[in-house]
Amino acid sequence: MKTETVLNDDQLKQMYGDFYESSPKVQFHNADVPDELQALVPYAVFWGVSDDIDRESLVEAAPAEVVKNLKYIIQTHEDQLDTWLAGPLADKPPFSAAYIAFSAMRMASDYC
């Protein structure tokens, strides 16, 4: 499967294979995610682990093609992620579970 594409949930499961079961699958309301980032929801569900140690362990166990795909989707959506995660909401806790999951997903990519 091509790593330089945004995958839907079924494609993500296919690419990740057995590794897909490694994530606790974070839950949040999709309505809390900006429209331009909705396609990344399956990634945030998988990678949005808020605990640093658990998230780093997940990244360290990830197959190379999975890491490459995660880095691709973060890089190609950098501006939209910045607008949301570093925008006005960044100074207004409490944060939604979606906001935290997308922030953690970005941290997972940075850790790769």
Protein backbone atom coordinates (compact mmCIF):
# COMPACT_ATOMS: atom_id res chain seq x y z
CA MET A 1 0.00 0.00 0.00
CA LYS A 2 1.26 3.48 -0.83
CA THR A 3 2.64 5.31 2.21
CA GLU A 4 2.23 8.78 0.73
CA THR A 5 -1.53 8.96 0.98
CA VAL A 6 -4.14 9.60 3.66
CA LEU A 7 -5.77 6.29 4.47
CA ASN A 8 -9.32 5.71 5.63
CA ASP A 9 -9.95 3.47 8.63
CA ASP A 10 -10.18 0.23 6.63
CA GLN A 11 -7.01 1.03 4.68
CA LEU A 12 -5.23 1.95 7.91
CA LYS A 13 -6.17 -1.41 9.43
CA GLN A 14 -4.92 -3.17 6.30
CA MET A 15 -1.57 -1.34 6.24
CA TYR A 16 -1.01 -1.69 9.99
CA GLY A 17 -1.90 -5.39 10.06
CA ASP A 18 -1.35 -7.00 13.48
CA PHE A 19 0.22 -3.76 14.72
CA TYR A 20 -3.26 -2.17 14.59
CA GLU A 21 -4.14 -4.03 17.81
CA SER A 22 -1.27 -2.30 19.65
CA SER A 23 -3.18 0.94 20.19
CA PRO A 24 -5.83 1.49 22.86
CA LYS A 25 -7.85 3.48 20.23
CA VAL A 26 -8.59 6.86 21.77
CA GLN A 27 -12.23 7.93 21.77
CA PHE A 28 -13.45 11.47 21.04
CA HIS A 29 -16.26 13.31 19.29
CA ASN A 30 -15.54 13.72 15.58
CA ALA A 31 -17.63 16.89 15.64
CA ASP A 32 -14.84 18.52 17.71
CA VAL A 33 -12.43 18.12 14.77
CA PRO A 34 -12.28 20.87 12.13
CA ASP A 35 -13.71 19.86 8.76
CA GLU A 36 -10.33 20.10 7.00
CA LEU A 37 -8.85 17.52 9.40
CA GLN A 38 -11.71 14.98 9.43
CA ALA A 39 -9.75 12.64 7.13
CA LEU A 40 -7.12 12.29 9.86
CA VAL A 41 -9.54 11.04 12.52
CA PRO A 42 -8.50 7.36 12.10
CA TYR A 43 -4.89 8.39 12.71
CA ALA A 44 -5.76 10.40 15.81
CA VAL A 45 -7.82 7.50 17.16
CA PHE A 46 -4.79 5.23 16.76
CA TRP A 47 -1.91 7.61 17.64
CA GLY A 48 -3.67 9.99 20.02
CA VAL A 49 -2.37 8.32 23.18
CA SER A 50 -1.88 11.08 25.74
CA ASP A 51 0.57 9.21 27.99
CA ASP A 52 4.09 9.98 26.76
CA ILE A 53 5.59 6.61 27.67
CA ASP A 54 2.75 4.61 26.14
CA ARG A 55 2.82 6.74 22.98
CA GLU A 56 6.61 6.38 22.63
CA SER A 57 6.33 2.62 23.08
CA LEU A 58 3.72 2.54 20.33
CA VAL A 59 5.96 4.54 18.00
CA GLU A 60 8.98 2.34 18.75
CA ALA A 61 6.99 -0.79 17.87
CA ALA A 62 5.64 0.65 14.60
CA PRO A 63 6.70 -0.87 11.28
CA ALA A 64 8.75 1.44 9.03
CA GLU A 65 6.00 1.91 6.41
CA VAL A 66 3.53 2.89 9.17
CA VAL A 67 5.94 5.51 10.50
CA LYS A 68 6.55 6.82 7.00
CA ASN A 69 2.80 7.19 6.42
CA LEU A 70 2.26 8.95 9.77
CA LYS A 71 5.04 11.42 9.05
CA TYR A 72 3.58 12.05 5.58
CA ILE A 73 0.09 12.86 6.84
CA ILE A 74 1.43 15.19 9.54
CA GLN A 75 3.72 17.01 7.09
CA THR A 76 0.99 17.44 4.49
CA HIS A 77 -1.47 18.81 7.06
CA GLU A 78 0.98 20.93 9.04
CA ASP A 79 -0.74 24.25 8.31
CA GLN A 80 -4.22 22.96 9.22
CA LEU A 81 -2.89 21.37 12.40
CA ASP A 82 -1.12 24.61 13.35
CA THR A 83 -4.26 26.64 12.76
CA TRP A 84 -6.21 24.42 15.13
CA LEU A 85 -3.68 23.26 17.72
CA ALA A 86 -1.60 26.43 17.99
CA GLY A 87 -4.48 28.80 17.35
CA PRO A 88 -6.81 30.53 19.82
CA LEU A 89 -7.88 27.24 21.45
CA ALA A 90 -4.32 26.62 22.66
CA ASP A 91 -4.88 29.21 25.40
CA LYS A 92 -8.33 28.00 26.44
CA PRO A 93 -8.31 24.82 28.51
CA PRO A 94 -10.00 22.53 29.19
CA PHE A 95 -9.15 20.91 25.88
CA SER A 96 -11.48 18.52 24.08
CA ALA A 97 -10.50 14.87 23.84
CA ALA A 98 -10.14 15.42 20.06
CA TYR A 99 -7.74 18.32 20.58
CA ILE A 100 -5.63 16.20 22.95
CA ALA A 101 -5.66 13.20 20.58
CA PHE A 102 -4.56 15.28 17.59
CA SER A 103 -1.83 16.92 19.69
CA ALA A 104 -0.62 13.48 20.85
CA MET A 105 -0.68 12.19 17.26
CA ARG A 106 1.54 15.09 16.26
CA MET A 107 3.89 14.31 19.14
CA ALA A 108 4.03 10.68 17.96
CA SER A 109 5.16 11.89 14.55
CA ASP A 110 7.77 14.16 16.13
CA TYR A 111 9.10 11.21 18.12
CA CYS A 112 9.58 9.05 15.01
